[in-house]
Protein backbone atom coordinates (compact mmCIF):
# COMPACT_ATOMS: atom_id res chain seq x y z
CA MET A 1 57.75 69.87 15.40
CA ALA A 2 54.16 69.26 15.34
CA SER A 3 51.74 72.35 16.63
CA ASN A 4 50.45 73.08 19.99
CA PHE A 5 47.14 73.95 18.35
CA ASN A 6 44.29 72.07 19.51
CA SER A 7 43.14 69.53 16.66
CA LEU A 8 39.77 67.98 16.02
CA GLN A 9 39.24 64.82 14.09
CA PHE A 10 37.48 65.65 10.89
CA LEU A 11 34.56 63.91 9.23
CA PRO A 12 34.38 62.35 5.89
CA VAL A 13 33.49 65.11 3.26
CA GLN A 14 30.08 65.55 2.09
CA LYS A 15 29.21 65.56 -1.77
CA THR A 16 26.95 68.64 -1.27
CA GLN A 17 28.18 71.80 -0.16
CA LEU A 18 26.97 73.09 3.35
CA PRO A 19 25.93 76.79 4.17
CA PHE A 20 28.93 78.64 4.20
CA ILE A 21 30.21 79.76 7.57
CA SER A 22 31.42 83.23 7.68
CA PRO A 23 35.19 83.82 8.18
CA PRO A 24 36.36 86.22 10.78
CA THR A 25 37.06 89.62 9.26
CA THR A 26 40.54 89.84 7.48
CA LEU A 27 42.82 92.84 7.72
CA ILE A 28 43.87 92.19 3.90
CA PRO A 29 41.70 94.50 1.90
CA HIS A 30 39.96 92.47 -0.93
CA THR A 31 37.34 93.54 -3.27
CA LYS A 32 34.33 91.32 -3.79
CA LEU A 33 30.71 91.29 -5.11
CA VAL A 34 28.56 89.23 -3.01
CA VAL A 35 25.13 88.14 -4.45
CA ASN A 36 22.32 86.77 -2.67
CA GLY A 37 20.07 84.79 -5.49
CA ARG A 38 16.60 85.86 -5.77
CA SER A 39 13.67 84.17 -8.25
CA THR A 40 12.75 87.34 -9.83
CA LEU A 41 14.00 90.94 -10.70
CA SER A 42 11.92 94.16 -10.66
CA GLY A 43 12.56 97.95 -10.56
CA HIS A 44 14.27 99.96 -13.21
CA VAL A 45 18.06 99.99 -14.46
CA THR A 46 19.68 102.86 -16.72
CA ILE A 47 22.37 101.65 -18.97
CA SER A 48 25.60 103.09 -19.21
CA GLY A 49 26.96 104.22 -22.50
CA SER A 50 29.06 101.88 -24.54
CA LYS A 51 32.80 101.34 -23.93
CA ASN A 52 33.01 99.52 -27.04
CA SER A 53 31.80 102.81 -28.66
CA ALA A 54 33.53 105.05 -26.42
CA LEU A 55 37.18 104.08 -27.10
CA PRO A 56 37.06 104.52 -31.06
CA ILE A 57 34.89 107.71 -30.97
CA LEU A 58 37.60 109.03 -28.43
CA ALA A 59 39.96 108.20 -31.04
CA ALA A 60 38.20 109.69 -33.67
CA THR A 61 37.98 113.00 -32.22
CA LEU A 62 41.81 113.13 -33.55
CA CYS A 63 40.19 113.30 -36.77
CA CYS A 64 38.93 116.68 -36.31
CA SER A 65 39.81 120.30 -35.09
CA GLY A 66 38.17 122.09 -32.27
CA SER A 67 36.34 120.67 -29.11
CA TYR A 68 33.90 117.98 -28.68
CA LYS A 69 31.90 117.05 -25.72
CA LEU A 70 30.68 113.34 -25.63
CA GLU A 71 27.88 112.50 -23.45
CA HIS A 72 27.19 109.36 -21.84
CA ALA A 73 30.35 108.11 -22.03
CA PRO A 74 31.15 105.33 -19.52
CA TYR A 75 33.74 105.75 -16.43
CA LEU A 76 36.72 103.47 -17.38
CA SER A 77 39.44 103.75 -14.71
CA ASP A 78 42.88 102.39 -15.15
CA THR A 79 45.46 102.03 -12.18
CA LYS A 80 48.81 103.20 -13.61
CA LEU A 81 52.39 103.64 -12.35
CA VAL A 82 54.04 106.59 -13.31
CA ILE A 83 58.04 106.76 -13.23
CA ASN A 84 60.04 109.85 -13.94
CA GLY A 85 63.94 108.33 -14.69
CA SER A 86 66.81 109.87 -15.03
CA GLY A 87 68.77 107.92 -17.40
CA SER A 88 72.43 106.99 -16.55
CA VAL A 89 72.29 108.87 -13.38
CA SER A 90 72.53 106.81 -10.14
CA THR A 91 69.17 106.99 -8.83
CA LEU A 92 68.89 104.16 -6.34
CA SER A 93 70.23 104.07 -2.76
CA GLU A 94 69.96 103.11 0.57
CA HIS A 95 68.10 99.42 1.80
CA VAL A 96 65.17 97.28 0.77
CA THR A 97 63.55 94.57 2.87
CA ILE A 98 62.38 91.65 0.84
CA SER A 99 58.88 90.16 1.65
CA GLY A 100 57.73 86.68 1.95
CA SER A 101 57.96 84.56 -1.42
CA LYS A 102 54.73 84.51 -3.10
CA ASN A 103 55.56 80.96 -4.88
CA SER A 104 56.06 79.71 -1.34
CA ALA A 105 52.89 81.04 -0.04
CA LEU A 106 50.45 79.98 -2.26
CA PRO A 107 51.23 76.26 -1.90
CA ILE A 108 51.78 76.24 1.72
CA LEU A 109 48.49 77.92 1.87
CA ALA A 110 47.19 75.19 -0.20
CA ALA A 111 48.96 72.63 2.00
CA THR A 112 46.91 73.60 5.24
CA LEU A 113 44.10 71.74 3.69
CA CYS A 114 45.95 68.44 4.51
CA CYS A 115 46.22 69.59 8.41
CA SER A 116 43.38 69.10 11.05
CA GLY A 117 43.34 72.23 13.46
CA SER A 118 44.67 75.49 12.70
CA SER A 119 47.88 76.52 11.08
CA LYS A 120 49.68 80.11 11.37
CA LEU A 121 51.72 81.26 8.69
CA LYS A 122 54.07 84.35 9.07
CA ASN A 123 55.78 86.51 6.66
CA VAL A 124 52.73 86.23 4.21
CA PRO A 125 53.18 88.87 1.29
CA CYS A 126 50.41 91.01 1.05
CA LEU A 127 49.63 90.42 -2.99
CA LEU A 128 46.56 89.91 -5.16
CA ASP A 129 47.63 86.49 -5.52
CA THR A 130 47.68 85.63 -1.97
CA ARG A 131 44.51 87.31 -1.25
CA THR A 132 43.00 85.04 -4.13
CA MET A 133 44.45 82.05 -2.41
CA VAL A 134 42.68 83.06 0.87
CA SER A 135 39.35 83.18 -0.88
CA ILE A 136 39.73 80.03 -2.45
CA LEU A 137 40.38 78.35 1.08
CA GLU A 138 36.95 80.31 2.33
CA SER A 139 35.35 78.77 -0.56
CA LEU A 140 35.89 75.45 0.79
CA GLY A 141 34.72 76.46 4.34
CA ALA A 142 37.81 76.89 5.68
CA ARG A 143 38.25 79.96 8.48
CA VAL A 144 41.07 82.27 7.70
CA SER A 145 42.14 85.32 9.89
CA CYS A 146 44.89 87.69 8.70
CA PHE A 147 47.02 89.99 10.69
CA GLY A 148 49.55 91.83 8.79
CA GLU A 149 52.07 89.39 7.63
CA ASP A 150 50.35 86.46 9.36
CA ILE A 151 47.62 84.28 8.50
CA VAL A 152 45.91 81.65 10.65
CA VAL A 153 43.91 79.02 8.69
CA ASN A 154 41.69 76.80 10.45
CA THR A 155 40.55 73.63 8.19
CA ASP A 156 37.97 71.96 10.34
CA GLY A 157 35.25 73.72 8.87
CA VAL A 158 35.95 72.49 5.20
CA MET A 159 32.69 70.60 3.66
CA CYS A 160 33.23 71.27 -0.02
CA ILE A 161 35.41 69.46 -2.32
CA GLU A 162 35.18 72.09 -4.89
CA PRO A 163 36.52 75.64 -4.67
CA ASP A 164 35.29 78.63 -6.32
CA LEU A 165 35.75 78.07 -9.92
CA ASN A 166 36.10 82.39 -10.61
CA GLU A 167 38.63 82.39 -8.11
CA VAL A 168 40.75 79.43 -9.23
CA ARG A 169 40.82 80.83 -12.58
CA LYS A 170 42.72 83.93 -11.29
CA VAL A 171 45.80 82.14 -9.99
CA ARG A 172 47.91 79.18 -11.36
CA GLY A 173 48.12 78.27 -7.49
CA GLY A 174 44.70 77.79 -6.87
CA PHE A 175 45.09 74.44 -8.53
CA PHE A 176 47.07 73.28 -6.00
CA VAL A 177 44.42 72.34 -3.73
CA ILE A 178 43.36 69.39 -5.63
CA GLY A 179 46.12 67.18 -4.09
CA PRO A 180 45.21 67.83 -0.51
CA LEU A 181 41.27 67.62 -1.15
CA LEU A 182 41.84 64.26 -2.54
CA ALA A 183 44.30 63.05 -0.13
CA ARG A 184 42.45 64.06 2.90
CA TYR A 185 38.81 63.87 1.73
CA GLY A 186 38.86 61.32 -1.00
CA GLU A 187 37.69 63.49 -4.04
CA ALA A 188 37.79 67.02 -5.35
CA THR A 189 36.63 69.19 -8.35
CA VAL A 190 38.89 71.82 -9.33
CA GLY A 191 38.92 74.20 -12.41
CA LEU A 192 41.57 74.67 -14.80
CA PRO A 193 43.97 77.25 -13.55
CA GLY A 194 44.68 80.86 -14.17
CA GLY A 195 47.54 83.08 -14.09
CA CYS A 196 49.78 84.61 -16.36
CA ASP A 197 49.36 84.18 -20.39
CA ILE A 198 52.70 82.99 -20.85
CA GLY A 199 52.42 79.77 -22.24
CA ALA A 200 51.25 76.26 -21.99
CA ARG A 201 51.10 74.95 -18.37
CA PRO A 202 49.20 71.89 -18.86
CA VAL A 203 48.07 70.04 -15.72
CA ASP A 204 48.80 66.47 -17.47
CA ILE A 205 51.58 66.05 -15.31
CA TYR A 206 49.50 66.67 -12.28
CA ILE A 207 46.98 63.90 -13.42
CA HIS A 208 49.73 61.54 -14.70
CA GLY A 209 50.95 62.00 -10.82
CA LEU A 210 47.71 61.50 -9.02
CA ARG A 211 46.65 58.29 -11.03
CA PRO A 212 49.53 56.01 -9.87
CA LEU A 213 48.71 57.08 -5.87
CA GLY A 214 45.27 55.41 -6.77
CA ALA A 215 43.22 58.27 -7.78
CA THR A 216 40.50 58.57 -10.84
CA VAL A 217 40.98 61.53 -12.83
CA GLU A 218 39.06 63.01 -15.49
CA LEU A 219 38.79 66.36 -17.40
CA ARG A 220 35.22 67.41 -17.83
CA ASP A 221 33.29 70.80 -18.78
CA GLY A 222 36.66 72.71 -18.03
CA LYS A 223 36.92 71.07 -14.68
CA VAL A 224 39.24 68.32 -13.28
CA GLN A 225 37.31 65.86 -11.36
CA ALA A 226 39.08 63.15 -9.16
CA HIS A 227 38.24 60.81 -6.65
CA VAL A 228 39.95 57.72 -4.79
CA SER A 229 39.33 54.65 -6.81
CA ASN A 230 39.35 52.01 -3.71
CA GLY A 231 37.31 54.24 -1.93
CA LYS A 232 39.37 54.34 1.12
CA GLY A 233 42.28 56.57 0.44
CA LEU A 234 45.57 57.36 -1.82
CA THR A 235 48.39 54.47 -1.47
CA GLY A 236 52.26 55.39 -1.77
CA ALA A 237 53.69 54.70 -5.30
CA SER A 238 57.13 55.31 -7.11
CA PHE A 239 56.79 57.32 -10.57
CA ARG A 240 58.75 59.52 -12.84
CA LEU A 241 57.30 63.17 -13.90
CA ALA A 242 57.64 63.89 -17.28
CA TYR A 243 59.03 67.33 -16.61
CA PRO A 244 60.26 68.67 -13.36
CA SER A 245 57.38 70.98 -12.91
CA VAL A 246 57.11 73.04 -9.75
CA GLY A 247 53.45 73.09 -9.39
CA ALA A 248 53.16 69.03 -9.97
CA THR A 249 55.72 68.48 -7.59
CA GLU A 250 54.51 70.41 -4.92
CA THR A 251 50.69 69.13 -5.64
CA LEU A 252 51.91 65.50 -5.52
CA MET A 253 54.16 66.11 -2.61
CA MET A 254 51.02 67.27 -0.82
CA ALA A 255 48.88 64.18 -1.76
CA ALA A 256 51.64 61.71 -0.93
CA CYS A 257 52.01 63.06 2.63
CA LEU A 258 48.76 61.61 3.34
CA ALA A 259 48.90 58.56 1.08
CA LYS A 260 49.21 54.98 2.90
CA GLY A 261 52.83 53.59 2.46
CA LYS A 262 55.87 55.13 0.64
CA THR A 263 56.06 57.35 -2.48
CA VAL A 264 59.07 57.99 -4.60
CA ILE A 265 59.00 60.73 -6.98
CA SER A 266 61.52 61.08 -9.44
CA ASN A 267 62.37 63.96 -11.76
CA ALA A 268 61.02 66.44 -9.10
CA ALA A 269 61.55 70.07 -9.24
CA GLN A 270 64.05 71.20 -7.01
CA GLU A 271 63.23 74.79 -6.43
CA PRO A 272 63.78 76.49 -3.08
CA GLU A 273 60.15 76.98 -2.73
CA ILE A 274 59.59 72.94 -2.86
CA VAL A 275 61.91 72.77 0.24
CA ASP A 276 60.29 75.56 1.91
CA LEU A 277 56.81 73.45 1.45
CA ALA A 278 58.50 70.45 2.69
CA GLY A 279 59.44 72.39 5.83
CA PHE A 280 56.04 73.18 6.35
CA LEU A 281 54.55 69.73 5.83
CA THR A 282 57.36 68.29 8.08
CA ASN A 283 56.44 70.99 10.80
CA CYS A 284 52.90 69.12 10.54
CA GLY A 285 54.00 65.79 11.08
CA ALA A 286 55.05 64.56 7.46
CA VAL A 287 57.97 62.79 6.63
CA VAL A 288 59.51 64.28 3.57
CA GLU A 289 62.86 63.50 2.58
CA GLY A 290 65.28 64.64 -0.39
CA ALA A 291 63.62 68.24 -1.02
CA GLY A 292 66.00 70.26 -3.06
CA THR A 293 67.16 67.24 -5.12
CA ASP A 294 65.48 65.60 -8.14
CA THR A 295 64.22 62.72 -5.91
CA LEU A 296 61.68 62.80 -3.13
CA TYR A 297 60.79 60.01 -0.59
CA ILE A 298 57.50 60.55 1.27
CA THR A 299 56.13 58.33 3.73
CA GLY A 300 52.67 58.89 4.30
CA ARG A 301 50.82 59.64 7.42
CA ARG A 302 47.14 59.20 8.48
CA ARG A 303 46.57 62.57 9.83
CA LEU A 304 48.67 65.71 9.98
CA CYS A 305 48.00 68.66 12.58
CA GLY A 306 48.51 72.45 11.83
CA SER A 307 51.75 74.10 12.70
CA GLU A 308 53.20 77.54 12.97
CA TYR A 309 55.64 78.36 10.01
CA SER A 310 57.38 81.27 8.47
CA ILE A 311 57.59 81.82 4.84
CA MET A 312 60.77 81.92 3.25
CA PRO A 313 61.83 85.57 1.56
CA ASP A 314 60.98 86.15 -2.16
CA ARG A 315 64.20 85.19 -4.10
CA ILE A 316 62.50 86.60 -7.26
CA GLU A 317 61.79 89.77 -5.66
CA ALA A 318 65.36 89.95 -4.31
CA GLY A 319 66.66 89.24 -7.99
CA THR A 320 64.41 92.16 -8.89
CA TYR A 321 65.69 94.50 -6.91
CA MET A 322 69.30 93.44 -7.96
CA LEU A 323 68.36 94.00 -11.43
CA ALA A 324 66.99 97.47 -10.60
CA THR A 325 70.12 98.47 -8.91
CA ALA A 326 72.15 97.11 -12.14
CA ILE A 327 69.76 98.93 -14.74
CA THR A 328 70.15 102.48 -13.02
CA ARG A 329 73.95 101.84 -12.41
CA SER A 330 73.24 102.35 -8.38
CA CYS A 331 74.27 100.85 -5.22
CA ILE A 332 72.07 99.25 -2.45
CA SER A 333 71.73 96.65 0.34
CA ILE A 334 69.27 93.95 0.23
CA SER A 335 67.75 91.61 2.71
CA ASP A 336 66.66 89.06 3.72
CA VAL A 337 68.42 87.40 1.02
CA SER A 338 69.89 83.61 0.45
CA HIS A 339 72.97 83.73 -1.53
CA SER A 340 72.52 79.86 -2.70
CA ASN A 341 69.01 80.70 -4.09
CA LEU A 342 70.44 83.48 -6.49
CA THR A 343 73.90 82.06 -7.31
CA CYS A 344 72.82 81.76 -11.06
CA LEU A 345 71.85 85.85 -11.21
CA ILE A 346 74.76 86.77 -9.04
CA ASP A 347 77.26 84.97 -11.18
CA LYS A 348 75.79 86.83 -14.23
CA LEU A 349 75.76 90.14 -12.77
CA SER A 350 79.17 89.69 -11.22
CA GLY A 351 80.41 88.70 -14.82
CA ALA A 352 79.00 91.80 -16.38
CA GLY A 353 80.90 94.16 -13.93
CA CYS A 354 78.64 94.26 -10.91
CA LYS A 355 80.22 94.36 -7.19
CA ILE A 356 78.35 92.08 -5.03
CA LEU A 357 79.43 91.65 -1.25
CA GLN A 358 77.85 89.55 1.01
CA LEU A 359 77.30 91.96 4.37
CA SER A 360 76.14 89.50 6.53
CA ASP A 361 74.41 85.87 6.33
CA ASP A 362 71.56 87.29 4.92
CA THR A 363 72.17 91.10 3.42
CA LEU A 364 74.09 91.40 0.21
CA GLU A 365 75.43 94.95 -1.23
CA ILE A 366 75.37 95.44 -4.98
CA SER A 367 76.99 98.01 -6.87
CA ALA A 368 76.90 98.78 -10.52
CA VAL A 369 77.93 102.73 -10.18
CA PRO A 370 80.68 103.09 -12.93
CA ARG A 371 83.04 104.98 -11.13
CA THR A 372 82.97 102.49 -8.33
CA ILE A 373 83.40 99.10 -10.37
CA GLY A 374 85.78 101.03 -13.09
CA ASP A 375 83.43 100.53 -16.38
CA ASP A 376 79.92 100.39 -17.28
CA LEU A 377 78.42 97.05 -17.50
CA ARG A 378 78.77 94.35 -20.28
CA GLY A 379 76.33 92.13 -21.49
CA PHE A 380 76.02 88.51 -21.31
CA SER A 381 73.71 85.55 -22.49
CA ILE A 382 71.32 83.74 -20.47
CA LYS A 383 69.37 80.59 -21.09
CA THR A 384 66.35 79.84 -18.79
CA ASN A 385 65.84 76.51 -17.01
CA PRO A 386 64.36 74.89 -14.02
CA PHE A 387 66.42 75.56 -10.40
CA PRO A 388 69.61 75.73 -10.07
CA GLY A 389 69.50 76.97 -13.66
CA PHE A 390 68.61 80.89 -14.37
CA PRO A 391 64.96 81.79 -13.50
CA THR A 392 62.36 82.29 -16.22
CA ASP A 393 60.82 84.83 -13.80
CA LEU A 394 63.61 87.07 -14.08
CA GLN A 395 64.20 86.55 -17.82
CA PRO A 396 62.24 89.58 -18.95
CA LEU A 397 63.78 91.87 -16.28
CA THR A 398 67.18 90.77 -17.24
CA MET A 399 66.34 91.62 -20.79
CA ALA A 400 65.60 95.16 -20.08
CA LEU A 401 68.89 95.44 -17.88
CA LEU A 402 70.88 93.96 -21.32
CA SER A 403 69.41 96.81 -23.36
CA THR A 404 71.64 99.16 -21.56
CA CYS A 405 74.78 97.02 -21.47
CA LYS A 406 77.60 96.98 -23.77
CA GLY A 407 77.80 94.57 -26.46
CA GLU A 408 75.29 91.93 -28.12
CA SER A 409 73.52 89.44 -25.59
CA ILE A 410 71.20 86.42 -26.37
CA VAL A 411 68.34 85.51 -24.31
CA GLU A 412 66.97 82.26 -24.78
CA GLU A 413 63.57 81.07 -23.33
CA SER A 414 63.31 77.23 -22.54
CA VAL A 415 60.73 76.96 -20.00
CA PHE A 416 57.43 79.01 -21.40
CA GLU A 417 57.46 79.42 -25.05
CA ASN A 418 54.95 82.63 -24.90
CA ARG A 419 57.35 84.33 -22.36
CA MET A 420 58.29 87.03 -25.09
CA SER A 421 55.47 89.40 -25.20
CA HIS A 422 56.98 92.03 -23.00
CA VAL A 423 59.66 92.63 -25.97
CA THR A 424 57.27 95.05 -27.91
CA GLU A 425 56.89 97.38 -25.09
CA LEU A 426 60.49 97.43 -24.36
CA GLN A 427 61.03 98.44 -28.11
CA LYS A 428 58.64 101.28 -27.08
CA PHE A 429 61.59 102.75 -24.90
CA GLY A 430 64.11 102.41 -27.66
CA ALA A 431 65.55 98.97 -26.72
CA LYS A 432 67.03 97.14 -29.53
CA ILE A 433 65.66 93.47 -29.56
CA GLN A 434 64.97 91.29 -32.16
CA VAL A 435 63.12 87.98 -31.60
CA CYS A 436 63.30 84.66 -33.36
CA GLY A 437 61.16 82.01 -31.84
CA SER A 438 62.37 81.22 -28.12
CA LYS A 439 65.69 83.52 -28.48
CA ALA A 440 66.25 87.39 -28.67
CA VAL A 441 69.26 89.13 -29.61
CA VAL A 442 69.58 92.24 -27.40
CA SER A 443 71.80 95.16 -28.67
CA GLY A 444 73.04 97.36 -25.85
CA LYS A 445 74.58 101.00 -26.55
CA GLY A 446 77.88 101.97 -24.88
CA ASN A 447 77.77 104.15 -21.75
CA ALA A 448 74.62 106.05 -22.31
CA SER A 449 71.26 104.57 -21.59
CA PRO A 450 69.41 103.77 -24.67
CA LEU A 451 66.05 104.01 -23.23
CA HIS A 452 63.50 106.69 -23.20
CA GLY A 453 60.39 107.17 -21.51
CA SER A 454 57.50 105.82 -23.14
CA GLN A 455 53.55 104.81 -22.59
CA VAL A 456 53.45 101.08 -22.18
CA ILE A 457 51.30 98.36 -21.10
CA ALA A 458 52.11 95.46 -18.70
CA ALA A 459 50.39 92.15 -19.98
CA ASP A 460 51.68 89.98 -17.36
CA LEU A 461 53.54 89.81 -13.99
CA ARG A 462 57.17 89.69 -14.69
CA GLY A 463 56.91 91.27 -18.04
CA GLY A 464 55.23 94.46 -16.43
CA MET A 465 58.10 94.54 -14.01
CA SER A 466 60.55 94.65 -16.84
CA LEU A 467 58.56 97.62 -18.10
CA VAL A 468 59.20 99.12 -14.48
CA LEU A 469 62.82 98.77 -14.48
CA ALA A 470 63.27 99.97 -18.09
CA GLY A 471 61.19 103.15 -16.84
CA LEU A 472 63.66 103.55 -13.95
CA ALA A 473 66.68 103.81 -16.41
CA ALA A 474 65.01 105.59 -19.15
CA GLU A 475 65.06 109.41 -19.86
CA GLY A 476 61.83 111.19 -19.01
CA THR A 477 58.49 109.83 -18.05
CA THR A 478 57.25 106.57 -18.27
CA ASP A 479 53.46 105.83 -18.03
CA ILE A 480 52.73 101.80 -17.38
CA SER A 481 49.05 100.95 -17.72
CA GLY A 482 47.84 97.43 -16.27
CA ILE A 483 50.09 97.61 -13.31
CA SER A 484 47.99 95.01 -11.48
CA HIS A 485 49.49 92.50 -13.19
CA VAL A 486 52.74 93.42 -11.34
CA ASP A 487 50.75 94.08 -8.04
CA ARG A 488 50.32 90.02 -8.07
CA GLY A 489 53.72 89.28 -7.34
CA TYR A 490 55.32 92.74 -5.60
CA GLU A 491 54.30 93.94 -2.15
CA SER A 492 54.36 97.58 -1.74
CA LEU A 493 56.16 98.11 -5.05
CA GLU A 494 56.05 101.89 -5.42
CA MET A 495 56.73 102.62 -1.42
CA LYS A 496 59.85 100.23 -1.57
CA LEU A 497 61.19 101.87 -4.86
CA GLN A 498 60.46 105.39 -3.31
CA GLY A 499 62.13 104.35 -0.25
CA LEU A 500 65.31 103.47 -2.64
CA GLY A 501 64.87 107.25 -3.99
CA ALA A 502 62.96 106.61 -7.16
CA ASN A 503 60.43 108.64 -8.50
CA VAL A 504 57.70 106.68 -8.59
CA THR A 505 53.95 107.29 -8.07
CA ARG A 506 50.42 105.49 -8.89
CA THR A 507 47.86 107.14 -10.19
CA THR A 508 44.12 106.22 -11.22
CA SER A 509 42.84 107.76 -14.60
C-alpha cells in the first residue's frame, strides 16, 4: 500500500549542485573526514616516519641478535579477530538471530530515490556497506535519519545527480543509484563501482538495459554518464539481459518503475533480494509482476511515494551460521530463516549428514554433533550458480567446511572468476586444497579436524568469513587481520559468535 507520509511534488534537477543540506545526526557511527577548502595553506607540518621503510626495517631486525630501538616509526593500526578454536570438540550452542539482509538493504536504500517524500526502512543491518550507502544518499542531498535498525530517507532535497565518487568506489551497491536518478531526474553521472576484488562485474549489462529504455549512456573518465534521449523521460521497452545479473536486474527494475508504458525484462535474476526490492517498490505504488521468476513485467508510474518497509532476513548470514555449526560439529538454532531461500545449502548439508529440523516457520535447528548424527560429516561437491543454484557468496565458507569432512570434494566457481583467493589462506590452517582454474579439489581428513590455528589475512568479505569458520574449527589460536572486509557483511559478528559460546575477541594492534 502507499505510504501515509506526506509527499511533496519534486522539481526538475539542476545540473549544478546546490549547497549541501546537513542531514540530522545519525545513530550509526561513521568515521568521516570533512574538508572545507581554502585557497592557501600556512603554518608548519611535521612528517611521520615512512611506512614503506618501517615495514622492511622491522622485518630486518630478525637478521640481528639483541634489541633495537626504531625511532620515528609511524603508528599503524590493524583491527584483528583472535579466535581460540577447540578442534573437533563441539564449541557452539544456543541460538542466533539473523540480521536484515545487506544484499536487500543496499538496492532498497537506492530505491528510495525513486520516491518523493519519506521512506522508513526497518530491519536494516548496521554494517560498513549500509553506512556507505547512507553517505551516498546524503551526498545527493537526501536527508537520512538512523535509529537503531530503522532508517528514514527523505529525498525531497535531492538536487544533485552525481553521488560522491569516493563513497561509490567503496561498495558495489553504490552504482544502483544510476537507475533511480536517471528515471526521476532525467540524468545521472555515477563513478564505476567498488566492492570486493573477486572478479569482473562489468556494468555493460546495466548500460545495455538502460539504452532500450531511452537513455543515452557513455563511459567517460571512469564515470558512467547517462541522460534521457528525448528530454522527457524513460519509455518502457522489452529486452533480454545477457546474464541474469542481480545488480543489473535491480537497477533496471527501479528505472522501469518510472518509465512511461510497459517494460518486460527477460533472463532476469531470480534471487530473493529481487523479490524484496519489488515488495518495497510495490508498497510505494509501483506495478511489478514476475519477481522471483526469469521475466519481469513492469508498468511505469509517473510518481512513487515513500513507504514503510521491513528488510528481509539475510539468507547468506543464515547460511554462514549453518556452516559454522557444521564445521565445529555443534548444534544451534537459527531465526529468522526462510527455508525456501536456503534449499540448496540445506540439501547439501543434509546429504553430508547434518540433521536439520524446522522448529517453526522461521526457525531452524541444525546439528552436526557426531554422537547425535551417528557419524562424522561426509564431503560433497558444489558448483555455484545464480539462484536457485548454490550461492557464490557461500562458496568460500563451504570450502572451509569441506576441508574437515571425510573424503574428497570438488568446488566449482562459475559466477566470479577470481573467487579462489581465500585458498592460500585456508592452506595456512593445514587445509588440503588444490586449485585448477575455476575448480578446487578439497581433501578432508577422517574424524579429526585437520586444521590448526594460524595467522591469516582477510582479502574480501566472504573469503574473510571462511577464515573465521576455519579458526573456529582449528586447534589453537587464529589471528585474522583485515577483518574490516568481513564487517562489510556481518553485523555484530564477534558478539553473535560469543553468544554461541565461541572464544572470539577483537583487538587493535
